[in-house]
Amino acid sequence: MRYALGIEYDGSAFNGWQSQPDGKTVQDVLETALSTVAAEPVRVHCAGRTDAGVHALCQVAHFDTSAERPDTAWVRGVNANLPATVAVRWAQPVGDDFHARFSAQGRRYRYVLLNRPQRPALWSRYAGWHHVALNAEAMRQAAQCWLGEHDFSAFRAAECQAKSPVKTLYRADVQRQGDWIIFDFHANAFLHHMVRNLVGTLVYVGKGAHPAAWAAEVLASRSRDVAAPTFSAAGLYFAGVDYDPAFALTGKIADSAVLPFSLL
C-alpha cells in the first residue's frame, strides 16, 4: 500500500530534510516513526528537499508499506513517535502511480520577513529580519521580470544538483502587512537556494541599493556573482505542492498550507 502524507515541521531543529549519517534530519525522524508504527523498515520520498533551518507548512511525502493499519495510525500513531517539531497533518492512500516528487506539477514557497529596526526575539527562528525600511512596492515590481520560463543560474547555489537551471516561475509576489513583508513564489520547480537568493536580491532593491530594473539584469547575467548574498533560511517555508486533481490531494494541501495570525 502506498500512502501520501502532509507534514509540517520546524526546520530550525534539523539539518535539512534529506537523511544524513547523524540522523538529525526530518527524513530520519519521520522514517523512524513510520517504521515503528509499521513494524518494518519504511523509506519516504518528499516533494521538495529543504535545507537546514527551512520550515514546512505542508511538505508532501509518500511511502510504501505492507503493514495493514487504519489511516489514523499514520497520523496519530506516527505523531506519537515524532519529536514535537514535526507533525503529520494528514495521511491518504494513493495509487502506485503517485510519486511525491515526480508527480508534482508545481511547488510553492513563502518567505516571511520582519522589517523593523529591532531584531526579533520570538520570531528569531521563524522569520528573516532586515533593519532598514524596505520599499515593498519596488520589490514587487522588480520580481515581475522573473515570471515565466528563464535560466535562473544567477540564483542557483554552487552545490545545486538540478540537471537544468531553466525553471518556470508562475508567481512572484511581495506584500507588506505592517512590519511584515511576505514573499510568495510558485514555480514548476526550484533550484537549490533559489528562493533565498531571489529574496536577497529583492531586499537590495527594497533598501534602494539598486533600481527595480536591476532584477532583470541579474537574471540576464546568469552569474551567481552578480546577485545579492543568500538570505537567511529562518523565514523560508515550503508552502505546498500542485498535483493532478485525480490524486485528490488538492484540498488537503490547501487547508494545511497557511500561516497563522495576520500572515495569510
Protein backbone atom coordinates (compact mmCIF):
# COMPACT_ATOMS: atom_id res chain seq x y z
CA MET A 1 0.00 0.00 0.00
CA ARG A 2 1.22 3.50 -0.84
CA TYR A 3 0.34 6.48 1.35
CA ALA A 4 0.77 10.21 0.84
CA LEU A 5 1.47 12.33 3.91
CA GLY A 6 1.15 16.05 4.61
CA ILE A 7 3.86 17.13 7.06
CA GLU A 8 4.69 20.35 8.87
CA TYR A 9 7.97 20.96 10.65
CA ASP A 10 10.16 23.47 12.38
CA GLY A 11 13.33 23.30 10.31
CA SER A 12 15.47 25.12 12.86
CA ALA A 13 15.79 21.86 14.78
CA PHE A 14 17.17 19.86 11.84
CA ASN A 15 20.00 19.67 9.33
CA GLY A 16 17.51 19.84 6.49
CA TRP A 17 15.16 17.22 5.06
CA GLN A 18 17.48 14.67 3.44
CA SER A 19 18.77 11.76 5.51
CA GLN A 20 22.29 12.11 6.89
CA PRO A 21 24.56 9.82 8.92
CA ASP A 22 24.00 11.84 12.10
CA GLY A 23 20.24 11.22 11.89
CA LYS A 24 19.38 14.86 12.61
CA THR A 25 17.10 15.41 9.61
CA VAL A 26 13.35 15.45 9.07
CA GLN A 27 13.53 12.39 6.85
CA ASP A 28 15.41 10.45 9.51
CA VAL A 29 12.95 11.09 12.34
CA LEU A 30 9.93 10.55 10.07
CA GLU A 31 11.23 7.23 8.78
CA THR A 32 11.96 6.09 12.34
CA ALA A 33 8.42 6.96 13.45
CA LEU A 34 6.79 5.33 10.43
CA SER A 35 8.91 2.21 10.83
CA THR A 36 7.84 1.94 14.47
CA VAL A 37 4.16 2.06 13.56
CA ALA A 38 4.58 -0.25 10.56
CA ALA A 39 6.85 -2.67 12.44
CA GLU A 40 9.02 -2.80 9.32
CA PRO A 41 11.58 -0.52 7.65
CA VAL A 42 9.92 2.40 5.83
CA ARG A 43 11.51 4.78 3.32
CA VAL A 44 9.90 8.13 2.46
CA HIS A 45 10.18 10.34 -0.61
CA CYS A 46 9.32 14.05 -0.45
CA ALA A 47 8.10 16.64 -2.94
CA GLY A 48 10.92 19.10 -2.27
CA ARG A 49 14.00 18.76 -0.09
CA THR A 50 14.56 21.67 2.28
CA ASP A 51 17.81 22.99 3.76
CA ALA A 52 18.78 23.34 7.41
CA GLY A 53 16.64 25.98 9.09
CA VAL A 54 13.89 25.93 6.44
CA HIS A 55 10.38 25.12 7.64
CA ALA A 56 7.39 23.42 6.04
CA LEU A 57 3.72 24.30 6.22
CA CYS A 58 2.82 21.36 4.01
CA GLN A 59 5.59 19.13 2.80
CA VAL A 60 4.21 16.15 0.91
CA ALA A 61 5.85 12.74 1.05
CA HIS A 62 4.90 9.18 0.20
CA PHE A 63 5.88 5.76 1.48
CA ASP A 64 5.12 2.12 0.74
CA THR A 65 4.27 -0.45 3.36
CA SER A 66 2.90 -3.97 3.65
CA ALA A 67 1.57 -3.19 7.13
CA GLU A 68 -2.20 -3.01 7.45
CA ARG A 69 -3.12 -0.14 9.75
CA PRO A 70 -6.11 2.21 9.97
CA ASP A 71 -5.44 5.52 8.27
CA THR A 72 -5.49 7.26 11.65
CA ALA A 73 -2.44 5.26 12.73
CA TRP A 74 -0.34 7.03 10.10
CA VAL A 75 -1.27 10.34 11.72
CA ARG A 76 -1.83 9.90 15.44
CA GLY A 77 0.40 6.87 15.81
CA VAL A 78 3.26 8.38 13.84
CA ASN A 79 2.95 11.72 15.64
CA ALA A 80 3.24 9.93 18.97
CA ASN A 81 6.70 8.79 17.84
CA LEU A 82 7.87 12.10 16.37
CA PRO A 83 9.63 14.98 18.12
CA ALA A 84 7.47 18.00 18.91
CA THR A 85 8.96 19.92 15.97
CA VAL A 86 7.49 17.57 13.32
CA ALA A 87 3.85 16.59 12.81
CA VAL A 88 1.90 14.62 10.23
CA ARG A 89 -1.19 16.63 9.33
CA TRP A 90 -2.92 14.02 7.17
CA ALA A 91 -2.42 10.65 5.53
CA GLN A 92 -4.20 9.32 2.47
CA PRO A 93 -3.90 6.09 0.44
CA VAL A 94 -2.77 6.74 -3.13
CA GLY A 95 -2.16 4.61 -6.18
CA ASP A 96 1.23 3.24 -7.14
CA ASP A 97 1.36 5.83 -9.92
CA PHE A 98 1.71 8.62 -7.35
CA HIS A 99 5.18 9.90 -6.50
CA ALA A 100 5.57 12.86 -4.16
CA ARG A 101 8.41 14.32 -6.20
CA PHE A 102 7.89 13.16 -9.78
CA SER A 103 4.11 13.66 -9.80
CA ALA A 104 4.45 17.26 -8.62
CA GLN A 105 3.44 19.85 -11.19
CA GLY A 106 4.39 22.87 -9.12
CA ARG A 107 5.80 23.89 -5.76
CA ARG A 108 5.17 26.91 -3.54
CA TYR A 109 7.39 28.75 -1.09
CA ARG A 110 6.65 31.64 1.25
CA TYR A 111 9.25 33.88 2.83
CA VAL A 112 8.36 35.89 5.95
CA LEU A 113 10.48 38.96 6.67
CA LEU A 114 10.26 41.21 9.72
CA ASN A 115 11.17 44.75 8.67
CA ARG A 116 11.80 46.92 11.72
CA PRO A 117 14.87 48.45 13.39
CA GLN A 118 14.96 45.97 16.29
CA ARG A 119 15.90 42.34 15.76
CA PRO A 120 13.22 39.77 16.63
CA ALA A 121 13.28 37.55 19.69
CA LEU A 122 10.12 35.45 19.45
CA TRP A 123 10.47 35.20 15.66
CA SER A 124 14.25 34.74 15.54
CA ARG A 125 13.95 31.20 14.15
CA TYR A 126 10.80 31.73 12.09
CA ALA A 127 11.31 34.96 10.16
CA GLY A 128 14.03 36.77 8.30
CA TRP A 129 14.88 40.27 9.50
CA HIS A 130 16.10 43.50 7.94
CA HIS A 131 16.55 46.65 9.99
CA VAL A 132 16.39 49.26 7.19
CA ALA A 133 12.92 50.23 5.93
CA LEU A 134 12.16 48.43 2.66
CA ASN A 135 10.04 49.57 -0.27
CA ALA A 136 7.71 46.62 -0.80
CA GLU A 137 6.19 48.08 -3.97
CA ALA A 138 9.62 48.45 -5.60
CA MET A 139 10.37 44.83 -4.70
CA ARG A 140 7.05 43.67 -6.11
CA GLN A 141 7.73 45.46 -9.37
CA ALA A 142 11.24 44.04 -9.57
CA ALA A 143 10.01 40.48 -9.09
CA GLN A 144 7.67 40.65 -12.09
CA CYS A 145 10.57 40.36 -14.55
CA TRP A 146 11.23 36.85 -13.30
CA LEU A 147 7.81 35.49 -14.24
CA GLY A 148 7.78 32.87 -16.97
CA GLU A 149 10.42 30.42 -18.15
CA HIS A 150 14.00 31.56 -17.60
CA ASP A 151 17.51 30.37 -16.89
CA PHE A 152 17.84 31.09 -13.15
CA SER A 153 21.58 30.36 -12.91
CA ALA A 154 22.14 33.72 -11.18
CA PHE A 155 20.09 32.43 -8.25
CA ARG A 156 21.49 28.91 -8.12
CA ALA A 157 23.74 27.62 -5.35
CA ALA A 158 27.13 26.26 -6.39
CA GLU A 159 26.24 22.83 -4.97
CA CYS A 160 22.89 22.65 -6.81
CA GLN A 161 22.37 19.22 -8.42
CA ALA A 162 19.49 20.13 -10.74
CA LYS A 163 20.02 18.96 -14.32
CA SER A 164 18.87 22.28 -15.76
CA PRO A 165 18.75 25.86 -14.40
CA VAL A 166 15.70 26.60 -16.57
CA LYS A 167 12.53 26.85 -14.48
CA THR A 168 9.11 28.41 -14.93
CA LEU A 169 8.06 30.90 -12.28
CA TYR A 170 4.28 31.33 -12.10
CA ARG A 171 4.09 33.77 -9.21
CA ALA A 172 6.48 36.19 -7.50
CA ASP A 173 4.51 38.40 -5.16
CA VAL A 174 5.54 40.81 -2.40
CA GLN A 175 3.11 42.25 0.15
CA ARG A 176 3.61 44.42 3.23
CA GLN A 177 1.46 43.92 6.34
CA GLY A 178 2.63 46.38 8.96
CA ASP A 179 6.19 45.44 9.93
CA TRP A 180 5.95 42.20 7.95
CA ILE A 181 6.82 41.64 4.31
CA ILE A 182 5.54 38.43 2.75
CA PHE A 183 7.13 36.96 -0.38
CA ASP A 184 5.23 34.24 -2.28
CA PHE A 185 6.82 32.16 -5.04
CA HIS A 186 5.20 29.47 -7.18
CA ALA A 187 7.11 27.56 -9.86
CA ASN A 188 7.23 24.21 -11.57
CA ALA A 189 10.43 23.55 -9.60
CA PHE A 190 13.15 25.46 -7.75
CA LEU A 191 16.93 25.37 -7.75
CA HIS A 192 18.98 24.96 -4.58
CA HIS A 193 18.84 28.25 -2.59
CA MET A 194 16.83 29.85 -5.40
CA VAL A 195 14.13 31.42 -3.22
CA ARG A 196 16.59 32.75 -0.64
CA ASN A 197 18.67 34.25 -3.44
CA LEU A 198 15.61 35.83 -5.04
CA VAL A 199 14.64 37.35 -1.68
CA GLY A 200 18.16 38.64 -1.09
CA THR A 201 18.13 40.36 -4.47
CA LEU A 202 14.73 41.92 -3.80
CA VAL A 203 15.93 43.24 -0.44
CA TYR A 204 18.75 45.08 -2.23
CA VAL A 205 16.10 46.70 -4.42
CA GLY A 206 13.86 47.41 -1.43
CA LYS A 207 16.55 49.26 0.51
CA GLY A 208 17.42 51.39 -2.53
CA ALA A 209 20.80 49.86 -3.35
CA HIS A 210 19.59 49.16 -6.90
CA PRO A 211 16.57 50.13 -9.02
CA ALA A 212 13.84 47.60 -9.80
CA ALA A 213 15.29 47.10 -13.30
CA TRP A 214 18.42 45.59 -11.71
CA ALA A 215 16.48 42.36 -11.04
CA ALA A 216 16.21 41.76 -14.79
CA GLU A 217 19.92 42.48 -15.24
CA VAL A 218 20.81 39.92 -12.59
CA LEU A 219 18.60 37.31 -14.27
CA ALA A 220 20.13 38.01 -17.70
CA SER A 221 23.67 37.73 -16.34
CA ARG A 222 23.21 34.07 -15.39
CA SER A 223 26.02 34.70 -12.90
CA ARG A 224 25.68 33.98 -9.20
CA ASP A 225 28.34 36.63 -8.54
CA VAL A 226 26.00 39.37 -9.76
CA ALA A 227 23.06 38.60 -7.47
CA ALA A 228 22.81 39.53 -3.80
CA PRO A 229 24.01 37.21 -0.99
CA THR A 230 21.81 34.29 0.04
CA PHE A 231 19.25 35.46 2.59
CA SER A 232 18.61 33.80 5.97
CA ALA A 233 16.87 30.40 6.00
CA ALA A 234 14.82 31.30 9.07
CA GLY A 235 11.94 32.94 7.20
CA LEU A 236 11.52 30.34 4.46
CA TYR A 237 8.55 27.96 4.40
CA PHE A 238 7.81 25.15 1.95
CA ALA A 239 4.16 26.03 1.42
CA GLY A 240 2.64 23.35 -0.76
CA VAL A 241 2.66 21.27 -3.92
CA ASP A 242 0.49 21.05 -7.04
CA TYR A 243 -0.70 17.63 -8.18
CA ASP A 244 -3.16 16.38 -10.75
CA PRO A 245 -6.65 16.67 -9.18
CA ALA A 246 -7.09 12.95 -9.84
CA PHE A 247 -4.88 12.23 -6.81
CA ALA A 248 -7.47 14.02 -4.60
CA LEU A 249 -4.85 15.84 -2.51
CA THR A 250 -5.54 19.45 -3.54
CA GLY A 251 -7.96 20.26 -0.72
CA LYS A 252 -5.81 18.70 1.99
CA ILE A 253 -2.74 20.61 0.82
CA ALA A 254 -4.62 23.92 0.60
CA ASP A 255 -6.00 23.51 4.13
CA SER A 256 -2.54 22.78 5.53
CA ALA A 257 -0.50 25.44 3.74
CA VAL A 258 -1.43 28.54 5.76
CA LEU A 259 0.33 30.65 8.35
CA PRO A 260 -1.48 31.79 11.50
CA PHE A 261 -2.36 35.30 12.67
CA SER A 262 -2.14 38.03 10.02
CA LEU A 263 0.41 36.26 7.86
CA LEU A 264 -2.07 34.76 5.41
